[in-house]
C-alpha atoms as a PDB file:
ATOM      1  CA  MET A   1     -49.722  12.185   7.674  1.00  0.00           C
ATOM      2  CA  ARG A   2     -47.653   9.097   8.251  1.00  0.00           C
ATOM      3  CA  CYS A   3     -45.034  10.300   5.762  1.00  0.00           C
ATOM      4  CA  HIS A   4     -44.625  13.554   7.668  1.00  0.00           C
ATOM      5  CA  ARG A   5     -43.988  11.704  10.934  1.00  0.00           C
ATOM      6  CA  LYS A   6     -41.261   9.562   9.417  1.00  0.00           C
ATOM      7  CA  SER A   7     -39.497  12.539   7.877  1.00  0.00           C
ATOM      8  CA  PHE A   8     -39.835  14.448  11.155  1.00  0.00           C
ATOM      9  CA  ARG A   9     -38.310  11.516  13.080  1.00  0.00           C
ATOM     10  CA  LYS A  10     -35.416  11.261  10.628  1.00  0.00           C
ATOM     11  CA  LEU A  11     -34.808  14.983  10.924  1.00  0.00           C
ATOM     12  CA  PHE A  12     -34.941  14.782  14.722  1.00  0.00           C
ATOM     13  CA  ARG A  13     -32.497  11.826  14.765  1.00  0.00           C
ATOM     14  CA  PHE A  14     -30.184  13.688  12.424  1.00  0.00           C
ATOM     15  CA  GLY A  15     -30.198  16.735  14.756  1.00  0.00           C
ATOM     16  CA  ARG A  16     -29.354  14.610  17.809  1.00  0.00           C
ATOM     17  CA  ASN A  17     -26.596  12.625  16.082  1.00  0.00           C
ATOM     18  CA  GLU A  18     -23.127  13.613  17.350  1.00  0.00           C
ATOM     19  CA  ASP A  19     -21.019  11.582  14.921  1.00  0.00           C
ATOM     20  CA  GLY A  20     -19.768  14.641  13.023  1.00  0.00           C
ATOM     21  CA  ALA A  21     -18.713  16.692  16.087  1.00  0.00           C
ATOM     22  CA  ALA A  22     -15.020  15.942  15.589  1.00  0.00           C
ATOM     23  CA  THR A  23     -15.262  16.931  11.937  1.00  0.00           C
ATOM     24  CA  ILE A  24     -16.658  20.335  12.858  1.00  0.00           C
ATOM     25  CA  GLU A  25     -13.816  20.966  15.303  1.00  0.00           C
ATOM     26  CA  ALA A  26     -11.258  19.899  12.731  1.00  0.00           C
ATOM     27  CA  VAL A  27     -12.748  22.258  10.148  1.00  0.00           C
ATOM     28  CA  LEU A  28     -12.634  25.117  12.655  1.00  0.00           C
ATOM     29  CA  TRP A  29      -8.951  24.472  13.517  1.00  0.00           C
ATOM     30  CA  LEU A  30      -7.816  23.803   9.940  1.00  0.00           C
ATOM     31  CA  PRO A  31      -7.107  27.461   8.968  1.00  0.00           C
ATOM     32  CA  PHE A  32      -4.982  27.912  12.100  1.00  0.00           C
ATOM     33  CA  TYR A  33      -2.896  24.842  11.300  1.00  0.00           C
ATOM     34  CA  LEU A  34      -2.492  25.871   7.660  1.00  0.00           C
ATOM     35  CA  MET A  35      -1.288  29.341   8.677  1.00  0.00           C
ATOM     36  CA  LEU A  36       1.095  27.832  11.214  1.00  0.00           C
ATOM     37  CA  PHE A  37       2.472  25.490   8.561  1.00  0.00           C
ATOM     38  CA  GLY A  38       2.866  28.419   6.145  1.00  0.00           C
ATOM     39  CA  LEU A  39       4.661  30.494   8.782  1.00  0.00           C
ATOM     40  CA  LEU A  40       7.051  27.652   9.583  1.00  0.00           C
ATOM     41  CA  ALA A  41       7.759  27.120   5.892  1.00  0.00           C
ATOM     42  CA  ASP A  42       8.400  30.864   5.392  1.00  0.00           C
ATOM     43  CA  VAL A  43      10.767  31.091   8.355  1.00  0.00           C
ATOM     44  CA  SER A  44      12.686  28.005   7.270  1.00  0.00           C
ATOM     45  CA  MET A  45      12.983  29.359   3.710  1.00  0.00           C
ATOM     46  CA  VAL A  46      14.322  32.671   5.058  1.00  0.00           C
ATOM     47  CA  PHE A  47      16.957  30.835   7.103  1.00  0.00           C
ATOM     48  CA  HIS A  48      17.807  28.680   4.099  1.00  0.00           C
ATOM     49  CA  GLY A  49      18.175  31.804   1.967  1.00  0.00           C
ATOM     50  CA  GLN A  50      20.409  33.375   4.607  1.00  0.00           C
ATOM     51  CA  SER A  51      22.718  30.360   4.593  1.00  0.00           C
ATOM     52  CA  LYS A  52      22.871  30.386   0.774  1.00  0.00           C
ATOM     53  CA  LEU A  53      23.730  34.095   0.768  1.00  0.00           C
ATOM     54  CA  LEU A  54      26.386  33.581   3.419  1.00  0.00           C
ATOM     55  CA  ARG A  55      27.958  30.827   1.336  1.00  0.00           C
ATOM     56  CA  ILE A  56      27.986  33.070  -1.759  1.00  0.00           C
ATOM     57  CA  VAL A  57      29.643  35.920   0.150  1.00  0.00           C
ATOM     58  CA  GLN A  58      32.190  33.557   1.709  1.00  0.00           C
ATOM     59  CA  ASP A  59      33.001  32.087  -1.718  1.00  0.00           C
ATOM     60  CA  ALA A  60      33.531  35.584  -3.125  1.00  0.00           C
ATOM     61  CA  ASN A  61      35.852  36.504  -0.251  1.00  0.00           C
ATOM     62  CA  ARG A  62      37.795  33.269  -0.641  1.00  0.00           C
ATOM     63  CA  ASN A  63      38.159  33.795  -4.408  1.00  0.00           C
ATOM     64  CA  MET A  64      39.508  37.287  -3.800  1.00  0.00           C
ATOM     65  CA  SER A  65      41.797  36.033  -1.058  1.00  0.00           C
ATOM     66  CA  VAL A  66      43.504  33.484  -3.309  1.00  0.00           C
ATOM     67  CA  GLY A  67      43.645  35.816  -6.321  1.00  0.00           C
ATOM     68  CA  ARG A  68      40.902  34.424  -8.591  1.00  0.00           C
ATOM     69  CA  LEU A  69      39.028  37.722  -8.262  1.00  0.00           C
ATOM     70  CA  THR A  70      41.254  40.786  -8.226  1.00  0.00           C
ATOM     71  CA  THR A  71      39.027  43.862  -8.042  1.00  0.00           C
ATOM     72  CA  THR A  72      36.093  44.969  -5.960  1.00  0.00           C
ATOM     73  CA  ALA A  73      33.939  45.143  -9.097  1.00  0.00           C
ATOM     74  CA  GLU A  74      34.652  41.476  -9.874  1.00  0.00           C
ATOM     75  CA  VAL A  75      33.640  40.467  -6.362  1.00  0.00           C
ATOM     76  CA  ILE A  76      30.399  42.457  -6.572  1.00  0.00           C
ATOM     77  CA  ASP A  77      29.592  40.947  -9.988  1.00  0.00           C
ATOM     78  CA  PHE A  78      30.343  37.455  -8.617  1.00  0.00           C
ATOM     79  CA  VAL A  79      27.967  37.947  -5.673  1.00  0.00           C
ATOM     80  CA  GLU A  80      25.190  39.592  -7.715  1.00  0.00           C
ATOM     81  CA  ALA A  81      25.282  36.880 -10.390  1.00  0.00           C
ATOM     82  CA  ARG A  82      24.937  34.038  -7.902  1.00  0.00           C
ATOM     83  CA  ALA A  83      22.467  35.728  -5.553  1.00  0.00           C
ATOM     84  CA  GLY A  84      20.286  36.971  -8.408  1.00  0.00           C
ATOM     85  CA  VAL A  85      19.123  33.422  -9.084  1.00  0.00           C
ATOM     86  CA  PHE A  86      16.867  33.399  -6.004  1.00  0.00           C
ATOM     87  CA  ALA A  87      16.839  36.982  -4.639  1.00  0.00           C
ATOM     88  CA  THR A  88      17.194  40.501  -5.990  1.00  0.00           C
ATOM     89  CA  PRO A  89      20.099  42.189  -4.184  1.00  0.00           C
ATOM     90  CA  THR A  90      19.376  45.778  -3.162  1.00  0.00           C
ATOM     91  CA  SER A  91      23.019  46.413  -2.331  1.00  0.00           C
ATOM     92  CA  VAL A  92      26.345  44.601  -2.494  1.00  0.00           C
ATOM     93  CA  SER A  93      29.550  46.029  -1.082  1.00  0.00           C
ATOM     94  CA  ASN A  94      33.139  44.887  -0.895  1.00  0.00           C
ATOM     95  CA  ASN A  95      35.983  46.471   1.040  1.00  0.00           C
ATOM     96  CA  ILE A  96      39.624  45.597   1.681  1.00  0.00           C
ATOM     97  CA  ALA A  97      41.276  47.146   4.727  1.00  0.00           C
ATOM     98  CA  ALA A  98      44.405  46.003   6.563  1.00  0.00           C
ATOM     99  CA  GLY A  99      44.383  42.610   4.811  1.00  0.00           C
ATOM    100  CA  LEU A 100      40.754  41.922   5.724  1.00  0.00           C
ATOM    101  CA  ILE A 101      38.226  41.390   2.925  1.00  0.00           C
ATOM    102  CA  THR A 102      34.694  42.361   3.931  1.00  0.00           C
ATOM    103  CA  THR A 103      31.725  41.695   1.674  1.00  0.00           C
ATOM    104  CA  SER A 104      28.058  42.263   2.449  1.00  0.00           C
ATOM    105  CA  ILE A 105      24.812  41.809   0.566  1.00  0.00           C
ATOM    106  CA  THR A 106      21.332  43.103   1.357  1.00  0.00           C
ATOM    107  CA  VAL A 107      18.190  41.480  -0.079  1.00  0.00           C
ATOM    108  CA  PRO A 108      14.470  41.936   0.616  1.00  0.00           C
ATOM    109  CA  MET A 109      13.154  39.151   2.831  1.00  0.00           C
ATOM    110  CA  SER A 110      10.046  38.916   0.677  1.00  0.00           C
ATOM    111  CA  ASP A 111      12.260  37.326  -2.006  1.00  0.00           C
ATOM    112  CA  LEU A 112      13.204  34.551   0.409  1.00  0.00           C
ATOM    113  CA  ASP A 113       9.828  33.522   1.856  1.00  0.00           C
ATOM    114  CA  MET A 114       7.557  31.026   0.145  1.00  0.00           C
ATOM    115  CA  PHE A 115       3.952  31.780   1.099  1.00  0.00           C
ATOM    116  CA  GLY A 116       4.054  35.334   2.454  1.00  0.00           C
ATOM    117  CA  VAL A 117       2.116  34.406   5.599  1.00  0.00           C
ATOM    118  CA  ALA A 118       4.190  36.597   7.925  1.00  0.00           C
ATOM    119  CA  GLY A 119       3.625  40.260   7.128  1.00  0.00           C
ATOM    120  CA  ILE A 120       6.970  41.255   8.643  1.00  0.00           C
ATOM    121  CA  PHE A 121       8.802  39.778   5.644  1.00  0.00           C
ATOM    122  CA  LYS A 122       7.094  42.149   3.206  1.00  0.00           C
ATOM    123  CA  THR A 123       9.078  45.246   4.178  1.00  0.00           C
ATOM    124  CA  ALA A 124      12.126  43.848   5.976  1.00  0.00           C
ATOM    125  CA  GLU A 125      15.567  43.392   4.457  1.00  0.00           C
ATOM    126  CA  MET A 126      18.283  40.921   5.360  1.00  0.00           C
ATOM    127  CA  THR A 127      21.961  41.829   5.343  1.00  0.00           C
ATOM    128  CA  VAL A 128      24.562  39.078   5.259  1.00  0.00           C
ATOM    129  CA  ARG A 129      28.191  40.031   5.906  1.00  0.00           C
ATOM    130  CA  SER A 130      31.384  38.010   5.899  1.00  0.00           C
ATOM    131  CA  GLU A 131      35.044  38.767   6.557  1.00  0.00           C
ATOM    132  CA  HIS A 132      38.060  36.866   5.288  1.00  0.00           C
ATOM    133  CA  LEU A 133      41.812  37.390   5.706  1.00  0.00           C
ATOM    134  CA  MET A 134      43.839  38.111   2.561  1.00  0.00           C
ATOM    135  CA  GLU A 135      46.169  35.168   1.877  1.00  0.00           C
ATOM    136  CA  ASN A 136      48.619  36.578  -0.632  1.00  0.00           C
END
């Protein structure tokens, strides 16, 4: 009988103990913080991908402007080769009109995000466009 009382007292003390209350709250909030971190990482990776694509398109326009690339096909190949390392281009276009070189590239945003937390990136596409004046 005495053994039952001691175990009952220990169980009662354990039920009244509030030492782990902060741990329970932290466990409840943890998924929210992990999703927020994943969303922030995805958005920053999309912006980073956009800046890399813009740099590639600007480099292609500059190379055509100074004469390193001479045809539209060379510019498109240049852009596709460099962008294909981190994203699959769905379309690349290049146009020259009135001394203005215009190049654009479209890629799926799902290629640019890291975790896929934001569902909007699954079906959306990003288009990056740059214009450059012909120098020669």
